[in-house]
Amino acid sequence: AALPGIRLALGEVTALALDDRKLTYVDPEGTSRGLEYDR
């Protein structure tokens, strides 16, 4: 509600792979997910 236009990814980040520009997070149901970024 406070940040319209921003996508919320519910979860806790467990690993940061800065050289690969990627992070891993675990959602509230225990599923591990990857997320790539430019910034």
PDB file of all heavy atoms in Angstrom:
ATOM      1  N   ALA A   1       0.823  -1.214   0.000  1.00  0.00           N
ATOM      2  CA  ALA A   1       0.000   0.000   0.000  1.00  0.00           C
ATOM      3  C   ALA A   1       0.855   1.262   0.000  1.00  0.00           C
ATOM      4  O   ALA A   1       0.520   2.252  -0.662  1.00  0.00           O
ATOM      5  CB  ALA A   1      -0.924   0.002   1.212  1.00  0.00           C
ATOM      6  N   ALA A   2       1.958   1.238   0.746  1.00  0.00           N
ATOM      7  CA  ALA A   2       2.806   2.424   0.867  1.00  0.00           C
ATOM      8  C   ALA A   2       3.742   2.601  -0.318  1.00  0.00           C
ATOM      9  O   ALA A   2       4.215   3.719  -0.573  1.00  0.00           O
ATOM     10  CB  ALA A   2       3.624   2.354   2.157  1.00  0.00           C
ATOM     11  N   LEU A   3       4.022   1.505  -1.035  1.00  0.00           N
ATOM     12  CA  LEU A   3       4.976   1.558  -2.148  1.00  0.00           C
ATOM     13  C   LEU A   3       4.333   1.012  -3.424  1.00  0.00           C
ATOM     14  O   LEU A   3       4.741  -0.024  -3.958  1.00  0.00           O
ATOM     15  CB  LEU A   3       6.241   0.752  -1.804  1.00  0.00           C
ATOM     16  CG  LEU A   3       6.998   1.181  -0.550  1.00  0.00           C
ATOM     17  CD1 LEU A   3       8.085   0.165  -0.213  1.00  0.00           C
ATOM     18  CD2 LEU A   3       7.605   2.576  -0.725  1.00  0.00           C
ATOM     19  N   PRO A   4       3.302   1.663  -3.920  1.00  0.00           N
ATOM     20  CA  PRO A   4       2.644   1.177  -5.137  1.00  0.00           C
ATOM     21  C   PRO A   4       3.607   1.195  -6.322  1.00  0.00           C
ATOM     22  O   PRO A   4       4.359   2.143  -6.507  1.00  0.00           O
ATOM     23  CB  PRO A   4       1.497   2.175  -5.333  1.00  0.00           C
ATOM     24  CG  PRO A   4       1.947   3.419  -4.636  1.00  0.00           C
ATOM     25  CD  PRO A   4       2.727   2.942  -3.448  1.00  0.00           C
ATOM     26  N   GLY A   5       3.588   0.133  -7.098  1.00  0.00           N
ATOM     27  CA  GLY A   5       4.485   0.048  -8.245  1.00  0.00           C
ATOM     28  C   GLY A   5       5.726  -0.770  -7.977  1.00  0.00           C
ATOM     29  O   GLY A   5       6.493  -1.071  -8.895  1.00  0.00           O
ATOM     30  N   ILE A   6       5.951  -1.130  -6.698  1.00  0.00           N
ATOM     31  CA  ILE A   6       7.099  -1.973  -6.354  1.00  0.00           C
ATOM     32  C   ILE A   6       6.611  -3.389  -6.085  1.00  0.00           C
ATOM     33  O   ILE A   6       5.632  -3.595  -5.375  1.00  0.00           O
ATOM     34  CB  ILE A   6       7.844  -1.406  -5.138  1.00  0.00           C
ATOM     35  CG1 ILE A   6       8.575  -0.126  -5.534  1.00  0.00           C
ATOM     36  CG2 ILE A   6       8.829  -2.422  -4.564  1.00  0.00           C
ATOM     37  CD1 ILE A   6       9.404   0.485  -4.440  1.00  0.00           C
ATOM     38  N   ARG A   7       7.296  -4.373  -6.670  1.00  0.00           N
ATOM     39  CA  ARG A   7       6.907  -5.771  -6.468  1.00  0.00           C
ATOM     40  C   ARG A   7       7.504  -6.289  -5.166  1.00  0.00           C
ATOM     41  O   ARG A   7       8.709  -6.176  -4.934  1.00  0.00           O
ATOM     42  CB  ARG A   7       7.380  -6.644  -7.634  1.00  0.00           C
ATOM     43  CG  ARG A   7       7.047  -8.129  -7.462  1.00  0.00           C
ATOM     44  CD  ARG A   7       7.071  -8.841  -8.790  1.00  0.00           C
ATOM     45  NE  ARG A   7       8.415  -8.999  -9.320  1.00  0.00           N
ATOM     46  CZ  ARG A   7       9.200 -10.072  -9.096  1.00  0.00           C
ATOM     47  NH1 ARG A   7       8.753 -11.045  -8.306  1.00  0.00           N
ATOM     48  NH2 ARG A   7      10.387 -10.147  -9.642  1.00  0.00           N
ATOM     49  N   LEU A   8       6.658  -6.831  -4.310  1.00  0.00           N
ATOM     50  CA  LEU A   8       7.116  -7.384  -3.044  1.00  0.00           C
ATOM     51  C   LEU A   8       7.379  -8.874  -3.193  1.00  0.00           C
ATOM     52  O   LEU A   8       6.503  -9.622  -3.645  1.00  0.00           O
ATOM     53  CB  LEU A   8       6.062  -7.158  -1.956  1.00  0.00           C
ATOM     54  CG  LEU A   8       6.314  -7.806  -0.599  1.00  0.00           C
ATOM     55  CD1 LEU A   8       7.565  -7.218   0.055  1.00  0.00           C
ATOM     56  CD2 LEU A   8       5.113  -7.638   0.319  1.00  0.00           C
ATOM     57  N   ALA A   9       8.579  -9.288  -2.823  1.00  0.00           N
ATOM     58  CA  ALA A   9       8.924 -10.709  -2.804  1.00  0.00           C
ATOM     59  C   ALA A   9       9.052 -11.113  -1.344  1.00  0.00           C
ATOM     60  O   ALA A   9      10.046 -10.783  -0.685  1.00  0.00           O
ATOM     61  CB  ALA A   9      10.227 -10.956  -3.557  1.00  0.00           C
ATOM     62  N   LEU A  10       8.049 -11.803  -0.827  1.00  0.00           N
ATOM     63  CA  LEU A  10       8.065 -12.217   0.573  1.00  0.00           C
ATOM     64  C   LEU A  10       9.089 -13.328   0.784  1.00  0.00           C
ATOM     65  O   LEU A  10       9.030 -14.364   0.138  1.00  0.00           O
ATOM     66  CB  LEU A  10       6.683 -12.720   0.997  1.00  0.00           C
ATOM     67  CG  LEU A  10       5.658 -11.692   1.473  1.00  0.00           C
ATOM     68  CD1 LEU A  10       4.357 -12.403   1.814  1.00  0.00           C
ATOM     69  CD2 LEU A  10       6.177 -10.931   2.672  1.00  0.00           C
ATOM     70  N   GLY A  11       9.994 -13.098   1.709  1.00  0.00           N
ATOM     71  CA  GLY A  11      10.981 -14.133   1.994  1.00  0.00           C
ATOM     72  C   GLY A  11      12.203 -13.579   2.692  1.00  0.00           C
ATOM     73  O   GLY A  11      12.352 -12.359   2.863  1.00  0.00           O
ATOM     74  N   GLU A  12      13.080 -14.472   3.076  1.00  0.00           N
ATOM     75  CA  GLU A  12      14.321 -14.105   3.758  1.00  0.00           C
ATOM     76  C   GLU A  12      15.501 -14.488   2.889  1.00  0.00           C
ATOM     77  O   GLU A  12      15.641 -15.639   2.479  1.00  0.00           O
ATOM     78  CB  GLU A  12      14.408 -14.812   5.103  1.00  0.00           C
ATOM     79  CG  GLU A  12      15.635 -14.439   5.897  1.00  0.00           C
ATOM     80  CD  GLU A  12      15.567 -14.921   7.337  1.00  0.00           C
ATOM     81  OE1 GLU A  12      14.552 -15.521   7.713  1.00  0.00           O
ATOM     82  OE2 GLU A  12      16.545 -14.669   8.072  1.00  0.00           O
ATOM     83  N   VAL A  13      16.354 -13.517   2.579  1.00  0.00           N
ATOM     84  CA  VAL A  13      17.518 -13.764   1.739  1.00  0.00           C
ATOM     85  C   VAL A  13      18.516 -14.637   2.496  1.00  0.00           C
ATOM     86  O   VAL A  13      18.872 -14.351   3.641  1.00  0.00           O
ATOM     87  CB  VAL A  13      18.169 -12.441   1.306  1.00  0.00           C
ATOM     88  CG1 VAL A  13      19.470 -12.703   0.540  1.00  0.00           C
ATOM     89  CG2 VAL A  13      17.215 -11.628   0.446  1.00  0.00           C
ATOM     90  N   THR A  14      18.953 -15.697   1.853  1.00  0.00           N
ATOM     91  CA  THR A  14      19.882 -16.638   2.482  1.00  0.00           C
ATOM     92  C   THR A  14      21.279 -16.589   1.879  1.00  0.00           C
ATOM     93  O   THR A  14      22.234 -17.053   2.491  1.00  0.00           O
ATOM     94  CB  THR A  14      19.345 -18.079   2.359  1.00  0.00           C
ATOM     95  OG1 THR A  14      19.090 -18.377   0.979  1.00  0.00           O
ATOM     96  CG2 THR A  14      18.044 -18.229   3.151  1.00  0.00           C
ATOM     97  N   ALA A  15      21.413 -16.046   0.663  1.00  0.00           N
ATOM     98  CA  ALA A  15      22.729 -15.994   0.022  1.00  0.00           C
ATOM     99  C   ALA A  15      22.778 -14.857  -0.980  1.00  0.00           C
ATOM    100  O   ALA A  15      21.798 -14.581  -1.684  1.00  0.00           O
ATOM    101  CB  ALA A  15      23.041 -17.319  -0.669  1.00  0.00           C
ATOM    102  N   LEU A  16      23.944 -14.197  -1.031  1.00  0.00           N
ATOM    103  CA  LEU A  16      24.198 -13.138  -2.003  1.00  0.00           C
ATOM    104  C   LEU A  16      25.369 -13.556  -2.882  1.00  0.00           C
ATOM    105  O   LEU A  16      26.467 -13.802  -2.375  1.00  0.00           O
ATOM    106  CB  LEU A  16      24.530 -11.819  -1.300  1.00  0.00           C
ATOM    107  CG  LEU A  16      23.440 -11.176  -0.448  1.00  0.00           C
ATOM    108  CD1 LEU A  16      24.021 -10.013   0.348  1.00  0.00           C
ATOM    109  CD2 LEU A  16      22.291 -10.698  -1.315  1.00  0.00           C
ATOM    110  N   ALA A  17      25.150 -13.665  -4.188  1.00  0.00           N
ATOM    111  CA  ALA A  17      26.216 -14.005  -5.132  1.00  0.00           C
ATOM    112  C   ALA A  17      26.474 -12.750  -5.961  1.00  0.00           C
ATOM    113  O   ALA A  17      25.924 -12.586  -7.063  1.00  0.00           O
ATOM    114  CB  ALA A  17      25.805 -15.178  -6.010  1.00  0.00           C
ATOM    115  N   LEU A  18      27.300 -11.847  -5.422  1.00  0.00           N
ATOM    116  CA  LEU A  18      27.500 -10.549  -6.056  1.00  0.00           C
ATOM    117  C   LEU A  18      28.174 -10.671  -7.415  1.00  0.00           C
ATOM    118  O   LEU A  18      27.864  -9.899  -8.333  1.00  0.00           O
ATOM    119  CB  LEU A  18      28.313  -9.638  -5.141  1.00  0.00           C
ATOM    120  CG  LEU A  18      27.716  -9.352  -3.755  1.00  0.00           C
ATOM    121  CD1 LEU A  18      28.528  -8.270  -3.043  1.00  0.00           C
ATOM    122  CD2 LEU A  18      26.257  -8.938  -3.852  1.00  0.00           C
ATOM    123  N   ASP A  19      29.107 -11.620  -7.572  1.00  0.00           N
ATOM    124  CA  ASP A  19      29.792 -11.777  -8.866  1.00  0.00           C
ATOM    125  C   ASP A  19      28.825 -12.228  -9.949  1.00  0.00           C
ATOM    126  O   ASP A  19      29.008 -11.895 -11.129  1.00  0.00           O
ATOM    127  CB  ASP A  19      30.936 -12.781  -8.736  1.00  0.00           C
ATOM    128  CG  ASP A  19      32.070 -12.253  -7.864  1.00  0.00           C
ATOM    129  OD1 ASP A  19      32.206 -11.014  -7.771  1.00  0.00           O
ATOM    130  OD2 ASP A  19      32.810 -13.074  -7.281  1.00  0.00           O
ATOM    131  N   ASP A  20      27.801 -12.981  -9.559  1.00  0.00           N
ATOM    132  CA  ASP A  20      26.815 -13.477 -10.529  1.00  0.00           C
ATOM    133  C   ASP A  20      25.596 -12.568 -10.634  1.00  0.00           C
ATOM    134  O   ASP A  20      24.667 -12.862 -11.413  1.00  0.00           O
ATOM    135  CB  ASP A  20      26.358 -14.890 -10.141  1.00  0.00           C
ATOM    136  CG  ASP A  20      27.502 -15.892 -10.126  1.00  0.00           C
ATOM    137  OD1 ASP A  20      28.418 -15.723 -10.958  1.00  0.00           O
ATOM    138  OD2 ASP A  20      27.476 -16.811  -9.301  1.00  0.00           O
ATOM    139  N   ARG A  21      25.570 -11.511  -9.835  1.00  0.00           N
ATOM    140  CA  ARG A  21      24.414 -10.609  -9.788  1.00  0.00           C
ATOM    141  C   ARG A  21      23.122 -11.392  -9.527  1.00  0.00           C
ATOM    142  O   ARG A  21      22.131 -11.248 -10.236  1.00  0.00           O
ATOM    143  CB  ARG A  21      24.288  -9.804 -11.083  1.00  0.00           C
ATOM    144  CG  ARG A  21      25.452  -8.873 -11.339  1.00  0.00           C
ATOM    145  CD  ARG A  21      25.129  -7.875 -12.414  1.00  0.00           C
ATOM    146  NE  ARG A  21      26.246  -6.953 -12.642  1.00  0.00           N
ATOM    147  CZ  ARG A  21      26.183  -5.844 -13.362  1.00  0.00           C
ATOM    148  NH1 ARG A  21      25.022  -5.521 -13.943  1.00  0.00           N
ATOM    149  NH2 ARG A  21      27.231  -5.069 -13.518  1.00  0.00           N
ATOM    150  N   LYS A  22      23.174 -12.157  -8.468  1.00  0.00           N
ATOM    151  CA  LYS A  22      22.023 -13.004  -8.143  1.00  0.00           C
ATOM    152  C   LYS A  22      21.952 -13.195  -6.637  1.00  0.00           C
ATOM    153  O   LYS A  22      22.969 -13.200  -5.941  1.00  0.00           O
ATOM    154  CB  LYS A  22      22.155 -14.365  -8.845  1.00  0.00           C
ATOM    155  CG  LYS A  22      20.999 -15.319  -8.619  1.00  0.00           C
ATOM    156  CD  LYS A  22      21.210 -16.622  -9.403  1.00  0.00           C
ATOM    157  CE  LYS A  22      20.052 -17.579  -9.175  1.00  0.00           C
ATOM    158  NZ  LYS A  22      20.231 -18.850  -9.920  1.00  0.00           N
ATOM    159  N   LEU A  23      20.739 -13.354  -6.122  1.00  0.00           N
ATOM    160  CA  LEU A  23      20.559 -13.681  -4.709  1.00  0.00           C
ATOM    161  C   LEU A  23      19.552 -14.815  -4.581  1.00  0.00           C
ATOM    162  O   LEU A  23      18.782 -15.095  -5.500  1.00  0.00           O
ATOM    163  CB  LEU A  23      20.098 -12.452  -3.920  1.00  0.00           C
ATOM    164  CG  LEU A  23      18.778 -11.766  -4.301  1.00  0.00           C
ATOM    165  CD1 LEU A  23      17.582 -12.458  -3.665  1.00  0.00           C
ATOM    166  CD2 LEU A  23      18.820 -10.302  -3.889  1.00  0.00           C
ATOM    167  N   THR A  24      19.596 -15.463  -3.429  1.00  0.00           N
ATOM    168  CA  THR A  24      18.672 -16.558  -3.145  1.00  0.00           C
ATOM    169  C   THR A  24      17.880 -16.206  -1.891  1.00  0.00           C
ATOM    170  O   THR A  24      18.443 -15.710  -0.915  1.00  0.00           O
ATOM    171  CB  THR A  24      19.433 -17.876  -2.900  1.00  0.00           C
ATOM    172  OG1 THR A  24      20.234 -18.160  -4.052  1.00  0.00           O
ATOM    173  CG2 THR A  24      18.462 -19.023  -2.666  1.00  0.00           C
ATOM    174  N   TYR A  25      16.577 -16.449  -1.944  1.00  0.00           N
ATOM    175  CA  TYR A  25      15.753 -16.222  -0.766  1.00  0.00           C
ATOM    176  C   TYR A  25      14.771 -17.373  -0.582  1.00  0.00           C
ATOM    177  O   TYR A  25      14.470 -18.113  -1.526  1.00  0.00           O
ATOM    178  CB  TYR A  25      15.019 -14.883  -0.846  1.00  0.00           C
ATOM    179  CG  TYR A  25      13.891 -14.807  -1.847  1.00  0.00           C
ATOM    180  CD1 TYR A  25      12.568 -15.046  -1.451  1.00  0.00           C
ATOM    181  CD2 TYR A  25      14.132 -14.471  -3.179  1.00  0.00           C
ATOM    182  CE1 TYR A  25      11.515 -14.959  -2.369  1.00  0.00           C
ATOM    183  CE2 TYR A  25      13.090 -14.382  -4.088  1.00  0.00           C
ATOM    184  CZ  TYR A  25      11.788 -14.626  -3.681  1.00  0.00           C
ATOM    185  OH  TYR A  25      10.752 -14.547  -4.580  1.00  0.00           O
ATOM    186  N   VAL A  26      14.307 -17.525   0.659  1.00  0.00           N
ATOM    187  CA  VAL A  26      13.351 -18.581   0.996  1.00  0.00           C
ATOM    188  C   VAL A  26      12.028 -17.925   1.353  1.00  0.00           C
ATOM    189  O   VAL A  26      11.975 -17.052   2.228  1.00  0.00           O
ATOM    190  CB  VAL A  26      13.862 -19.438   2.176  1.00  0.00           C
ATOM    191  CG1 VAL A  26      12.818 -20.489   2.564  1.00  0.00           C
ATOM    192  CG2 VAL A  26      15.177 -20.106   1.813  1.00  0.00           C
ATOM    193  N   ASP A  27      10.957 -18.334   0.672  1.00  0.00           N
ATOM    194  CA  ASP A  27       9.662 -17.711   0.922  1.00  0.00           C
ATOM    195  C   ASP A  27       9.014 -18.289   2.183  1.00  0.00           C
ATOM    196  O   ASP A  27       9.539 -19.243   2.772  1.00  0.00           O
ATOM    197  CB  ASP A  27       8.750 -17.833  -0.296  1.00  0.00           C
ATOM    198  CG  ASP A  27       8.283 -19.259  -0.571  1.00  0.00           C
ATOM    199  OD1 ASP A  27       8.302 -20.105   0.344  1.00  0.00           O
ATOM    200  OD2 ASP A  27       7.874 -19.530  -1.711  1.00  0.00           O
ATOM    201  N   PRO A  28       7.885 -17.729   2.651  1.00  0.00           N
ATOM    202  CA  PRO A  28       7.270 -18.185   3.905  1.00  0.00           C
ATOM    203  C   PRO A  28       6.867 -19.659   3.925  1.00  0.00           C
ATOM    204  O   PRO A  28       6.675 -20.229   4.998  1.00  0.00           O
ATOM    205  CB  PRO A  28       6.029 -17.276   4.030  1.00  0.00           C
ATOM    206  CG  PRO A  28       6.394 -16.050   3.280  1.00  0.00           C
ATOM    207  CD  PRO A  28       7.202 -16.529   2.125  1.00  0.00           C
ATOM    208  N   GLU A  29       6.737 -20.273   2.747  1.00  0.00           N
ATOM    209  CA  GLU A  29       6.365 -21.682   2.697  1.00  0.00           C
ATOM    210  C   GLU A  29       7.561 -22.597   2.544  1.00  0.00           C
ATOM    211  O   GLU A  29       7.415 -23.803   2.330  1.00  0.00           O
ATOM    212  CB  GLU A  29       5.365 -21.904   1.561  1.00  0.00           C
ATOM    213  CG  GLU A  29       4.044 -21.163   1.778  1.00  0.00           C
ATOM    214  CD  GLU A  29       3.031 -21.442   0.692  1.00  0.00           C
ATOM    215  OE1 GLU A  29       3.422 -21.991  -0.363  1.00  0.00           O
ATOM    216  OE2 GLU A  29       1.845 -21.133   0.904  1.00  0.00           O
ATOM    217  N   GLY A  30       8.781 -22.019   2.653  1.00  0.00           N
ATOM    218  CA  GLY A  30       9.993 -22.829   2.638  1.00  0.00           C
ATOM    219  C   GLY A  30      10.584 -23.094   1.268  1.00  0.00           C
ATOM    220  O   GLY A  30      11.559 -23.830   1.138  1.00  0.00           O
ATOM    221  N   THR A  31      10.037 -22.490   0.231  1.00  0.00           N
ATOM    222  CA  THR A  31      10.553 -22.690  -1.121  1.00  0.00           C
ATOM    223  C   THR A  31      11.721 -21.755  -1.390  1.00  0.00           C
ATOM    224  O   THR A  31      11.622 -20.546  -1.150  1.00  0.00           O
ATOM    225  CB  THR A  31       9.456 -22.443  -2.169  1.00  0.00           C
ATOM    226  OG1 THR A  31       8.355 -23.314  -1.915  1.00  0.00           O
ATOM    227  CG2 THR A  31       9.971 -22.689  -3.574  1.00  0.00           C
ATOM    228  N   SER A  32      12.827 -22.311  -1.878  1.00  0.00           N
ATOM    229  CA  SER A  32      14.005 -21.497  -2.200  1.00  0.00           C
ATOM    230  C   SER A  32      13.853 -20.929  -3.610  1.00  0.00           C
ATOM    231  O   SER A  32      13.528 -21.644  -4.559  1.00  0.00           O
ATOM    232  CB  SER A  32      15.265 -22.353  -2.105  1.00  0.00           C
ATOM    233  OG  SER A  32      16.414 -21.582  -2.389  1.00  0.00           O
ATOM    234  N   ARG A  33      14.090 -19.643  -3.732  1.00  0.00           N
ATOM    235  CA  ARG A  33      13.934 -18.972  -5.018  1.00  0.00           C
ATOM    236  C   ARG A  33      15.152 -18.116  -5.334  1.00  0.00           C
ATOM    237  O   ARG A  33      15.792 -17.577  -4.431  1.00  0.00           O
ATOM    238  CB  ARG A  33      12.688 -18.087  -5.016  1.00  0.00           C
ATOM    239  CG  ARG A  33      11.387 -18.839  -4.688  1.00  0.00           C
ATOM    240  CD  ARG A  33      10.202 -17.888  -4.668  1.00  0.00           C
ATOM    241  NE  ARG A  33       8.972 -18.574  -4.281  1.00  0.00           N
ATOM    242  CZ  ARG A  33       8.182 -19.229  -5.116  1.00  0.00           C
ATOM    243  NH1 ARG A  33       8.493 -19.267  -6.410  1.00  0.00           N
ATOM    244  NH2 ARG A  33       7.078 -19.818  -4.689  1.00  0.00           N
ATOM    245  N   GLY A  34      15.472 -18.004  -6.622  1.00  0.00           N
ATOM    246  CA  GLY A  34      16.572 -17.166  -7.061  1.00  0.00           C
ATOM    247  C   GLY A  34      16.056 -15.888  -7.685  1.00  0.00           C
ATOM    248  O   GLY A  34      14.945 -15.843  -8.212  1.00  0.00           O
ATOM    249  N   LEU A  35      16.865 -14.827  -7.608  1.00  0.00           N
ATOM    250  CA  LEU A  35      16.451 -13.538  -8.156  1.00  0.00           C
ATOM    251  C   LEU A  35      17.683 -12.823  -8.705  1.00  0.00           C
ATOM    252  O   LEU A  35      18.631 -12.547  -7.968  1.00  0.00           O
ATOM    253  CB  LEU A  35      15.792 -12.700  -7.059  1.00  0.00           C
ATOM    254  CG  LEU A  35      15.054 -11.427  -7.462  1.00  0.00           C
ATOM    255  CD1 LEU A  35      13.899 -11.752  -8.407  1.00  0.00           C
ATOM    256  CD2 LEU A  35      14.539 -10.699  -6.225  1.00  0.00           C
ATOM    257  N   GLU A  36      17.658 -12.545 -10.005  1.00  0.00           N
ATOM    258  CA  GLU A  36      18.759 -11.821 -10.629  1.00  0.00           C
ATOM    259  C   GLU A  36      18.477 -10.322 -10.605  1.00  0.00           C
ATOM    260  O   GLU A  36      17.325  -9.901 -10.502  1.00  0.00           O
ATOM    261  CB  GLU A  36      18.957 -12.306 -12.071  1.00  0.00           C
ATOM    262  CG  GLU A  36      19.356 -13.785 -12.158  1.00  0.00           C
ATOM    263  CD  GLU A  36      19.556 -14.228 -13.594  1.00  0.00           C
ATOM    264  OE1 GLU A  36      19.149 -13.480 -14.517  1.00  0.00           O
ATOM    265  OE2 GLU A  36      20.105 -15.323 -13.796  1.00  0.00           O
ATOM    266  N   TYR A  37      19.537  -9.539 -10.705  1.00  0.00           N
ATOM    267  CA  TYR A  37      19.364  -8.092 -10.629  1.00  0.00           C
ATOM    268  C   TYR A  37      20.376  -7.374 -11.511  1.00  0.00           C
ATOM    269  O   TYR A  37      21.426  -7.930 -11.870  1.00  0.00           O
ATOM    270  CB  TYR A  37      19.514  -7.609  -9.189  1.00  0.00           C
ATOM    271  CG  TYR A  37      20.879  -7.912  -8.566  1.00  0.00           C
ATOM    272  CD1 TYR A  37      21.975  -7.079  -8.795  1.00  0.00           C
ATOM    273  CD2 TYR A  37      21.068  -9.040  -7.773  1.00  0.00           C
ATOM    274  CE1 TYR A  37      23.215  -7.349  -8.254  1.00  0.00           C
ATOM    275  CE2 TYR A  37      22.311  -9.322  -7.219  1.00  0.00           C
ATOM    276  CZ  TYR A  37      23.379  -8.492  -7.458  1.00  0.00           C
ATOM    277  OH  TYR A  37      24.613  -8.760  -6.917  1.00  0.00           O
ATOM    278  N   ASP A  38      20.045  -6.144 -11.863  1.00  0.00           N
ATOM    279  CA  ASP A  38      20.990  -5.242 -12.526  1.00  0.00           C
ATOM    280  C   ASP A  38      21.578  -4.266 -11.529  1.00  0.00           C
ATOM    281  O   ASP A  38      22.725  -3.841 -11.662  1.00  0.00           O
ATOM    282  CB  ASP A  38      20.278  -4.486 -13.649  1.00  0.00           C
ATOM    283  CG  ASP A  38      19.808  -5.411 -14.761  1.00  0.00           C
ATOM    284  OD1 ASP A  38      20.650  -5.864 -15.549  1.00  0.00           O
ATOM    285  OD2 ASP A  38      18.595  -5.690 -14.807  1.00  0.00           O
ATOM    286  N   ARG A  39      20.767  -3.893 -10.542  1.00  0.00           N
ATOM    287  CA  ARG A  39      21.232  -3.060  -9.440  1.00  0.00           C
ATOM    288  C   ARG A  39      20.711  -3.677  -8.148  1.00  0.00           C
ATOM    289  O   ARG A  39      19.590  -4.186  -8.099  1.00  0.00           O
ATOM    290  CB  ARG A  39      20.710  -1.618  -9.550  1.00  0.00           C
ATOM    291  CG  ARG A  39      21.163  -0.877 -10.801  1.00  0.00           C
ATOM    292  CD  ARG A  39      22.655  -0.559 -10.772  1.00  0.00           C
ATOM    293  NE  ARG A  39      23.029   0.291 -11.891  1.00  0.00           N
ATOM    294  CZ  ARG A  39      23.329  -0.147 -13.106  1.00  0.00           C
ATOM    295  NH1 ARG A  39      23.283  -1.459 -13.343  1.00  0.00           N
ATOM    296  NH2 ARG A  39      23.671   0.678 -14.074  1.00  0.00           N
TER     297      ARG A  39
END
